[in-house]
Amino acid sequence: MKSIKAPITDEFEVKNSRFITYLIPLDTVDNAKNELMTIKQKHPDANHHCSAYIIGDNQEIQKADDDGEPSQTAGVPILDVFKKNEITNVLCVVVRYFGGVKLGAGGLIRAYSKGASEALKKATLTQKQKYDYLEIRGSFDSIGILEHLIGEHATLLSRDYGEDVIFNVSILSRDRESFEARLIESTQNKVSINIIKSVEYYQ
C-alpha cells in the first residue's frame, strides 16, 4: 500500500465546467472532515465539492460523497482511482464550477475520475516504512567508532555521557541486524544495544 508525500492541486475544464482537484495526505477521519470544510470555505460559490477519502493500512475506512451530483457519478469514481492504485491515507476533493452544459452521467464519471487520476499522477508516492529506535551504550574509547557507524547507517537522535556514552538512534528495521553486527564487530563486542520501540509510518 502507498500514500502521497505532499498535497497536490490540479485544474482542468470540460465543456466550460471548471474542475479543481485537491489531493491531501492524512491519517484520520477528523483530519479529512477538517480539510474538506477548509476547501468548502475556500470555494463557497462552487456548485459541488465532491470528495472521497480512504484511510488505513488496508484501506479499511472509505467514504465517497457526490455532493449533489447524480448518485455514483462523482464520489465513487474518485474513490475507485485510489482503490485501484492501492493508495491510502488520502482525501481527494474535486470542486466543480458548473459551466452551463450538462455532462450526463458518463461525462461526470469521466470528469471526476480524471480529476483524481491527474492529481495522483503529479503526486510523489510514499510507502510505509518500519523504523527501530535503539539505545546504544559503549565505552568512551569507542566513541569514534560508534559515531562513524551511526553516521553511515542510522539517524542520531541524542547522546548522553555518564559512566558510558549512550546514543539514541533510529534505523530502518530491515537494516538493523546488519548494523548491530557491525557495531559488535567494530567494538570487539564492547557495546550493548537495546530496542526501545518500533514505529511504522509513511515517508
Protein backbone atom coordinates (compact mmCIF):
# COMPACT_ATOMS: atom_id res chain seq x y z
CA MET A 1 0.00 0.00 0.00
CA LYS A 2 1.18 3.52 -0.82
CA SER A 3 0.29 7.07 0.12
CA ILE A 4 1.27 10.53 -1.12
CA LYS A 5 4.01 12.71 0.28
CA ALA A 6 2.52 16.21 -0.06
CA PRO A 7 -0.70 17.98 -1.06
CA ILE A 8 -1.43 18.37 -4.77
CA THR A 9 -3.72 20.77 -6.62
CA ASP A 10 -4.78 20.35 -10.23
CA GLU A 11 -7.30 22.05 -12.51
CA PHE A 12 -8.98 21.43 -15.89
CA GLU A 13 -12.13 22.29 -17.83
CA VAL A 14 -14.77 20.15 -19.51
CA LYS A 15 -17.41 21.92 -21.64
CA ASN A 16 -16.96 25.16 -19.72
CA SER A 17 -17.23 23.49 -16.32
CA ARG A 18 -14.17 24.16 -14.21
CA PHE A 19 -12.86 21.31 -12.05
CA ILE A 20 -10.29 21.92 -9.28
CA THR A 21 -8.80 18.90 -7.53
CA TYR A 22 -7.27 18.88 -4.07
CA LEU A 23 -5.36 15.76 -3.05
CA ILE A 24 -4.24 15.75 0.58
CA PRO A 25 -2.34 13.18 2.69
CA LEU A 26 -3.84 12.47 6.12
CA ASP A 27 -4.45 9.60 8.51
CA THR A 28 -7.66 10.28 10.45
CA VAL A 29 -11.31 10.86 9.64
CA ASP A 30 -11.29 14.07 11.68
CA ASN A 31 -8.45 15.43 9.54
CA ALA A 32 -10.41 14.55 6.41
CA LYS A 33 -13.51 16.37 7.68
CA ASN A 34 -11.50 19.44 8.64
CA GLU A 35 -9.69 19.60 5.30
CA LEU A 36 -12.97 19.20 3.41
CA MET A 37 -14.50 22.05 5.40
CA THR A 38 -11.50 24.26 4.65
CA ILE A 39 -11.84 23.61 0.91
CA LYS A 40 -15.57 24.33 1.00
CA GLN A 41 -14.84 27.63 2.73
CA LYS A 42 -12.26 28.41 0.06
CA HIS A 43 -14.82 27.82 -2.72
CA PRO A 44 -18.16 28.91 -1.21
CA ASP A 45 -19.69 29.70 -4.60
CA ALA A 46 -18.79 26.39 -6.29
CA ASN A 47 -21.67 24.19 -7.36
CA HIS A 48 -20.23 20.96 -5.99
CA HIS A 49 -17.47 19.82 -3.63
CA CYS A 50 -17.34 16.11 -4.43
CA SER A 51 -15.00 14.05 -2.30
CA ALA A 52 -13.65 10.72 -1.21
CA TYR A 53 -11.25 9.64 1.46
CA ILE A 54 -9.57 6.34 2.13
CA ILE A 55 -7.69 5.63 5.36
CA GLY A 56 -5.91 2.67 6.96
CA ASP A 57 -3.14 0.23 6.16
CA ASN A 58 -5.61 -1.94 4.27
CA GLN A 59 -7.91 0.88 3.12
CA GLU A 60 -10.32 -0.05 5.92
CA ILE A 61 -12.06 3.34 6.12
CA GLN A 62 -13.65 4.61 2.93
CA LYS A 63 -16.20 7.31 2.21
CA ALA A 64 -17.43 8.90 -1.01
CA ASP A 65 -19.71 11.93 -1.36
CA ASP A 66 -21.41 13.09 -4.58
CA ASP A 67 -22.38 16.44 -3.01
CA GLY A 68 -25.43 16.98 -5.18
CA GLU A 69 -24.21 15.34 -8.37
CA PRO A 70 -26.27 12.34 -9.58
CA SER A 71 -25.70 9.27 -7.41
CA GLN A 72 -22.49 7.31 -8.07
CA THR A 73 -21.16 9.80 -10.64
CA ALA A 74 -18.62 11.70 -8.54
CA GLY A 75 -17.52 10.40 -5.13
CA VAL A 76 -17.36 6.73 -6.10
CA PRO A 77 -15.32 7.34 -9.30
CA ILE A 78 -12.89 9.42 -7.24
CA LEU A 79 -12.62 6.68 -4.62
CA ASP A 80 -12.14 3.97 -7.25
CA VAL A 81 -8.98 5.67 -8.54
CA PHE A 82 -7.30 5.24 -5.17
CA LYS A 83 -8.61 1.75 -4.55
CA LYS A 84 -7.31 0.53 -7.92
CA ASN A 85 -3.92 2.20 -7.41
CA GLU A 86 -3.59 0.84 -3.84
CA ILE A 87 -3.36 4.33 -2.35
CA THR A 88 -4.38 5.00 1.24
CA ASN A 89 -4.43 7.83 3.77
CA VAL A 90 -5.64 10.46 1.32
CA LEU A 91 -8.54 12.85 0.86
CA CYS A 92 -9.49 13.93 -2.65
CA VAL A 93 -11.88 16.81 -3.22
CA VAL A 94 -12.92 17.79 -6.73
CA VAL A 95 -14.57 21.21 -6.78
CA ARG A 96 -16.86 21.95 -9.74
CA TYR A 97 -17.97 25.29 -11.09
CA PHE A 98 -20.82 24.47 -13.49
CA GLY A 99 -20.28 25.89 -16.97
CA GLY A 100 -23.83 25.68 -18.26
CA VAL A 101 -23.54 22.44 -20.23
CA LYS A 102 -24.74 19.20 -18.67
CA LEU A 103 -22.22 16.37 -18.99
CA GLY A 104 -24.51 13.41 -18.40
CA ALA A 105 -23.73 10.51 -16.08
CA GLY A 106 -20.91 9.16 -18.24
CA GLY A 107 -19.35 12.57 -18.67
CA LEU A 108 -19.46 13.24 -14.94
CA ILE A 109 -17.85 9.89 -14.13
CA ARG A 110 -15.06 10.57 -16.61
CA ALA A 111 -14.53 14.11 -15.33
CA TYR A 112 -14.33 13.19 -11.66
CA SER A 113 -12.14 10.16 -12.38
CA LYS A 114 -9.87 12.42 -14.39
CA GLY A 115 -9.67 14.89 -11.52
CA ALA A 116 -8.43 12.20 -9.15
CA SER A 117 -6.18 10.46 -11.70
CA GLU A 118 -4.41 13.59 -12.93
CA ALA A 119 -3.73 14.80 -9.40
CA LEU A 120 -2.37 11.38 -8.47
CA LYS A 121 -0.01 11.46 -11.47
CA LYS A 122 1.51 14.67 -10.10
CA ALA A 123 1.96 13.27 -6.58
CA THR A 124 5.13 11.82 -5.11
CA LEU A 125 4.22 8.42 -3.71
CA THR A 126 5.47 7.03 -0.41
CA GLN A 127 5.42 3.60 1.17
CA LYS A 128 5.14 2.66 4.80
CA GLN A 129 8.48 2.06 6.45
CA LYS A 130 9.21 0.43 9.78
CA TYR A 131 11.88 2.02 11.98
CA ASP A 132 13.55 0.70 15.10
CA TYR A 133 14.62 3.10 17.82
CA LEU A 134 17.78 1.89 19.56
CA GLU A 135 19.77 2.75 22.65
CA ILE A 136 23.46 2.05 22.03
CA ARG A 137 25.76 2.05 25.04
CA GLY A 138 29.54 1.94 24.68
CA SER A 139 32.78 2.92 26.36
CA PHE A 140 34.42 6.29 25.84
CA ASP A 141 37.26 4.78 23.85
CA SER A 142 34.72 3.52 21.30
CA ILE A 143 33.04 6.91 20.69
CA GLY A 144 34.81 7.49 17.38
CA ILE A 145 33.87 4.08 16.01
CA LEU A 146 30.27 4.40 17.14
CA GLU A 147 29.87 7.90 15.76
CA HIS A 148 31.28 6.79 12.40
CA LEU A 149 28.97 3.78 12.07
CA ILE A 150 25.91 5.69 13.27
CA GLY A 151 26.65 8.48 10.81
CA GLU A 152 26.84 6.00 7.94
CA HIS A 153 23.86 3.79 8.74
CA ALA A 154 21.43 5.40 11.19
CA THR A 155 19.96 8.71 12.35
CA LEU A 156 21.38 10.09 15.58
CA LEU A 157 18.62 11.38 17.87
CA SER A 158 20.60 12.17 21.03
CA ARG A 159 23.71 11.30 23.01
CA ASP A 160 24.35 11.28 26.75
CA TYR A 161 27.55 10.99 28.72
CA GLY A 162 27.82 9.23 32.07
CA GLU A 163 29.90 6.24 33.02
CA ASP A 164 29.41 5.23 29.39
CA VAL A 165 28.33 7.11 26.29
CA ILE A 166 24.73 6.45 25.23
CA PHE A 167 23.50 7.07 21.71
CA ASN A 168 19.79 7.06 20.82
CA VAL A 169 19.28 6.38 17.14
CA SER A 170 16.65 5.34 14.61
CA ILE A 171 17.22 2.96 11.72
CA LEU A 172 15.14 1.15 9.13
CA SER A 173 14.09 -2.16 10.68
CA ARG A 174 15.34 -4.09 7.67
CA ASP A 175 18.85 -2.69 8.24
CA ARG A 176 19.02 -3.17 11.99
CA GLU A 177 20.60 -6.64 12.17
CA SER A 178 23.48 -5.83 9.84
CA PHE A 179 24.02 -2.53 11.69
CA GLU A 180 24.16 -4.30 15.04
CA ALA A 181 26.63 -6.84 13.65
CA ARG A 182 28.95 -4.04 12.51
CA LEU A 183 28.75 -2.34 15.89
CA ILE A 184 29.61 -5.53 17.72
CA GLU A 185 32.44 -6.46 15.36
CA SER A 186 33.97 -2.96 15.28
CA THR A 187 33.97 -2.57 19.08
CA GLN A 188 35.01 -6.18 19.76
CA ASN A 189 31.66 -6.81 21.44
CA LYS A 190 32.10 -3.90 23.86
CA VAL A 191 28.70 -2.39 23.12
CA SER A 192 25.16 -3.02 24.31
CA ILE A 193 22.17 -2.46 22.06
CA ASN A 194 18.55 -2.24 23.20
CA ILE A 195 15.46 -1.78 21.06
CA ILE A 196 13.34 0.95 22.65
CA LYS A 197 10.43 0.82 20.21
CA SER A 198 9.44 0.14 16.63
CA VAL A 199 7.31 2.56 14.62
CA GLU A 200 5.71 2.35 11.18
CA TYR A 201 4.81 5.39 9.12
CA TYR A 202 4.60 6.66 5.56
CA GLN A 203 7.60 8.61 4.37
